[in-house]
C-alpha atoms as a PDB file:
ATOM      1  CA  UNK A   1       0.000   0.000   0.000  1.00  0.00           C
ATOM      2  CA  UNK A   2       1.468   3.328  -1.036  1.00  0.00           C
ATOM      3  CA  UNK A   3       1.716   6.016   1.600  1.00  0.00           C
ATOM      4  CA  UNK A   4       1.422   9.634   0.523  1.00  0.00           C
ATOM      5  CA  UNK A   5       4.218  11.860   1.774  1.00  0.00           C
ATOM      6  CA  UNK A   6       3.096  14.760   3.922  1.00  0.00           C
ATOM      7  CA  UNK A   7       4.838  18.046   4.327  1.00  0.00           C
ATOM      8  CA  UNK A   8       5.920  18.732   7.877  1.00  0.00           C
ATOM      9  CA  UNK A   9       5.403  22.441   7.629  1.00  0.00           C
ATOM     10  CA  UNK A  10       2.584  24.955   7.735  1.00  0.00           C
ATOM     11  CA  UNK A  11       2.035  28.372   6.263  1.00  0.00           C
ATOM     12  CA  UNK A  12       3.815  31.027   8.273  1.00  0.00           C
ATOM     13  CA  UNK A  13       1.395  33.289  10.089  1.00  0.00           C
ATOM     14  CA  UNK A  14       3.664  35.857  11.709  1.00  0.00           C
ATOM     15  CA  UNK A  15       6.608  38.047  10.879  1.00  0.00           C
ATOM     16  CA  UNK A  16       7.459  40.624   8.238  1.00  0.00           C
ATOM     17  CA  UNK A  17       8.634  37.940   5.788  1.00  0.00           C
ATOM     18  CA  UNK A  18       5.008  36.889   5.304  1.00  0.00           C
ATOM     19  CA  UNK A  19       4.220  40.284   3.821  1.00  0.00           C
ATOM     20  CA  UNK A  20       6.899  39.792   1.155  1.00  0.00           C
ATOM     21  CA  UNK A  21       6.206  36.148   0.287  1.00  0.00           C
ATOM     22  CA  UNK A  22       2.759  34.690   1.073  1.00  0.00           C
ATOM     23  CA  UNK A  23       3.970  31.170   0.172  1.00  0.00           C
ATOM     24  CA  UNK A  24       6.485  30.980   3.031  1.00  0.00           C
ATOM     25  CA  UNK A  25       6.072  27.894   5.193  1.00  0.00           C
ATOM     26  CA  UNK A  26       7.322  27.249   8.705  1.00  0.00           C
ATOM     27  CA  UNK A  27       8.154  23.810  10.133  1.00  0.00           C
ATOM     28  CA  UNK A  28       5.482  22.107  12.252  1.00  0.00           C
ATOM     29  CA  UNK A  29       6.261  21.634  15.909  1.00  0.00           C
ATOM     30  CA  UNK A  30       7.256  18.221  17.171  1.00  0.00           C
ATOM     31  CA  UNK A  31       4.032  18.259  19.210  1.00  0.00           C
ATOM     32  CA  UNK A  32       1.905  18.732  16.065  1.00  0.00           C
ATOM     33  CA  UNK A  33       3.734  16.062  14.084  1.00  0.00           C
ATOM     34  CA  UNK A  34       3.481  13.558  16.933  1.00  0.00           C
ATOM     35  CA  UNK A  35      -0.158  14.399  17.710  1.00  0.00           C
ATOM     36  CA  UNK A  36      -1.087  13.935  14.043  1.00  0.00           C
ATOM     37  CA  UNK A  37       0.551  10.504  13.893  1.00  0.00           C
ATOM     38  CA  UNK A  38      -1.024   9.427  17.198  1.00  0.00           C
ATOM     39  CA  UNK A  39      -4.476  10.654  16.097  1.00  0.00           C
ATOM     40  CA  UNK A  40      -4.215   8.739  12.814  1.00  0.00           C
ATOM     41  CA  UNK A  41      -3.244   5.460  14.465  1.00  0.00           C
ATOM     42  CA  UNK A  42      -4.606   5.257  18.024  1.00  0.00           C
ATOM     43  CA  UNK A  43      -8.145   5.951  19.286  1.00  0.00           C
ATOM     44  CA  UNK A  44      -8.149   8.727  21.900  1.00  0.00           C
ATOM     45  CA  UNK A  45     -10.076   6.506  24.314  1.00  0.00           C
ATOM     46  CA  UNK A  46      -7.183   4.022  24.327  1.00  0.00           C
ATOM     47  CA  UNK A  47      -4.719   6.832  25.062  1.00  0.00           C
ATOM     48  CA  UNK A  48      -6.836   8.023  28.011  1.00  0.00           C
ATOM     49  CA  UNK A  49      -7.090   4.485  29.392  1.00  0.00           C
ATOM     50  CA  UNK A  50      -3.371   3.775  29.022  1.00  0.00           C
ATOM     51  CA  UNK A  51      -1.839   6.965  30.441  1.00  0.00           C
ATOM     52  CA  UNK A  52      -2.746   8.493  33.797  1.00  0.00           C
ATOM     53  CA  UNK A  53      -1.649  12.048  33.079  1.00  0.00           C
ATOM     54  CA  UNK A  54      -1.717  13.611  29.642  1.00  0.00           C
ATOM     55  CA  UNK A  55      -0.763  17.300  29.519  1.00  0.00           C
ATOM     56  CA  UNK A  56      -3.598  19.551  28.340  1.00  0.00           C
ATOM     57  CA  UNK A  57      -1.713  20.921  25.274  1.00  0.00           C
ATOM     58  CA  UNK A  58      -0.984  17.363  24.130  1.00  0.00           C
ATOM     59  CA  UNK A  59      -4.645  16.373  24.543  1.00  0.00           C
ATOM     60  CA  UNK A  60      -5.786  19.397  22.542  1.00  0.00           C
ATOM     61  CA  UNK A  61      -3.464  18.689  19.615  1.00  0.00           C
ATOM     62  CA  UNK A  62      -4.381  14.980  19.468  1.00  0.00           C
ATOM     63  CA  UNK A  63      -8.078  15.859  19.526  1.00  0.00           C
ATOM     64  CA  UNK A  64      -7.532  18.536  16.857  1.00  0.00           C
ATOM     65  CA  UNK A  65      -5.899  16.026  14.510  1.00  0.00           C
ATOM     66  CA  UNK A  66      -8.489  13.311  15.295  1.00  0.00           C
ATOM     67  CA  UNK A  67     -11.184  14.974  13.199  1.00  0.00           C
ATOM     68  CA  UNK A  68     -11.379  14.974   9.391  1.00  0.00           C
ATOM     69  CA  UNK A  69     -10.187  18.123   7.626  1.00  0.00           C
ATOM     70  CA  UNK A  70     -12.188  18.232   4.395  1.00  0.00           C
ATOM     71  CA  UNK A  71     -15.903  18.397   3.682  1.00  0.00           C
ATOM     72  CA  UNK A  72     -15.990  15.103   1.787  1.00  0.00           C
ATOM     73  CA  UNK A  73     -14.603  13.122   4.742  1.00  0.00           C
ATOM     74  CA  UNK A  74     -16.896  14.922   7.191  1.00  0.00           C
ATOM     75  CA  UNK A  75     -19.858  14.050   4.986  1.00  0.00           C
ATOM     76  CA  UNK A  76     -18.790  10.401   4.838  1.00  0.00           C
ATOM     77  CA  UNK A  77     -18.320  10.069   8.610  1.00  0.00           C
ATOM     78  CA  UNK A  78     -21.586  11.848   9.419  1.00  0.00           C
ATOM     79  CA  UNK A  79     -23.606   9.467   7.243  1.00  0.00           C
ATOM     80  CA  UNK A  80     -22.291   5.944   7.794  1.00  0.00           C
ATOM     81  CA  UNK A  81     -25.618   4.531   8.994  1.00  0.00           C
ATOM     82  CA  UNK A  82     -27.109   4.036   5.533  1.00  0.00           C
ATOM     83  CA  UNK A  83     -26.340   4.530   1.878  1.00  0.00           C
ATOM     84  CA  UNK A  84     -28.669   7.218   0.526  1.00  0.00           C
ATOM     85  CA  UNK A  85     -30.079   7.371  -2.995  1.00  0.00           C
ATOM     86  CA  UNK A  86     -28.252   9.576  -5.474  1.00  0.00           C
ATOM     87  CA  UNK A  87     -30.150  12.269  -7.359  1.00  0.00           C
ATOM     88  CA  UNK A  88     -29.709  13.141 -11.048  1.00  0.00           C
ATOM     89  CA  UNK A  89     -26.895  15.617 -10.314  1.00  0.00           C
ATOM     90  CA  UNK A  90     -24.845  12.853  -8.686  1.00  0.00           C
ATOM     91  CA  UNK A  91     -25.192  14.203  -5.138  1.00  0.00           C
ATOM     92  CA  UNK A  92     -26.456  12.071  -2.253  1.00  0.00           C
ATOM     93  CA  UNK A  93     -29.843  12.974  -0.784  1.00  0.00           C
ATOM     94  CA  UNK A  94     -31.118  12.921   2.800  1.00  0.00           C
ATOM     95  CA  UNK A  95     -27.683  12.773   4.413  1.00  0.00           C
ATOM     96  CA  UNK A  96     -27.445  14.087   7.960  1.00  0.00           C
ATOM     97  CA  UNK A  97     -24.555  16.225   6.759  1.00  0.00           C
ATOM     98  CA  UNK A  98     -26.651  17.768   3.966  1.00  0.00           C
ATOM     99  CA  UNK A  99     -29.530  18.450   6.343  1.00  0.00           C
ATOM    100  CA  UNK A 100     -27.179  20.134   8.791  1.00  0.00           C
ATOM    101  CA  UNK A 101     -25.580  22.176   6.027  1.00  0.00           C
ATOM    102  CA  UNK A 102     -29.004  23.376   4.840  1.00  0.00           C
ATOM    103  CA  UNK A 103     -29.918  24.404   8.388  1.00  0.00           C
ATOM    104  CA  UNK A 104     -26.678  26.370   8.652  1.00  0.00           C
ATOM    105  CA  UNK A 105     -27.133  28.046   5.255  1.00  0.00           C
ATOM    106  CA  UNK A 106     -30.723  29.094   6.017  1.00  0.00           C
ATOM    107  CA  UNK A 107     -29.696  30.778   9.263  1.00  0.00           C
ATOM    108  CA  UNK A 108     -31.373  28.275  11.585  1.00  0.00           C
ATOM    109  CA  UNK A 109     -28.092  27.665  13.430  1.00  0.00           C
ATOM    110  CA  UNK A 110     -26.308  30.351  15.445  1.00  0.00           C
ATOM    111  CA  UNK A 111     -23.188  28.487  16.481  1.00  0.00           C
ATOM    112  CA  UNK A 112     -21.791  25.182  15.205  1.00  0.00           C
ATOM    113  CA  UNK A 113     -20.044  22.776  17.559  1.00  0.00           C
ATOM    114  CA  UNK A 114     -18.849  19.310  16.557  1.00  0.00           C
ATOM    115  CA  UNK A 115     -18.772  16.720  19.311  1.00  0.00           C
ATOM    116  CA  UNK A 116     -17.186  13.383  18.514  1.00  0.00           C
ATOM    117  CA  UNK A 117     -16.448  12.020  15.100  1.00  0.00           C
END
């Protein structure tokens, strides 16, 4: 199985250099790299059960990397209970994700909070 290589750097967000070159990237911290790898391979529940004390910053970064980053993955994880029919435009219908998105777009939701995966 081929593994895609990931860059270990993020866009720079501070400093005068950013004003000159918006494509400048800064290296990720060791905490972020480690938290990302842990989140991809170990369920957070297992980490909590195994270790008595986990520093708060470490917990936050693992939790941050535990959730999907793009809309397609979020849609997939929010709708695993059943396979919905596909309409003529090729988009799934009656997904929980789509219903939630419509509620957000119509102004029925003030603040969005995701709990769990």
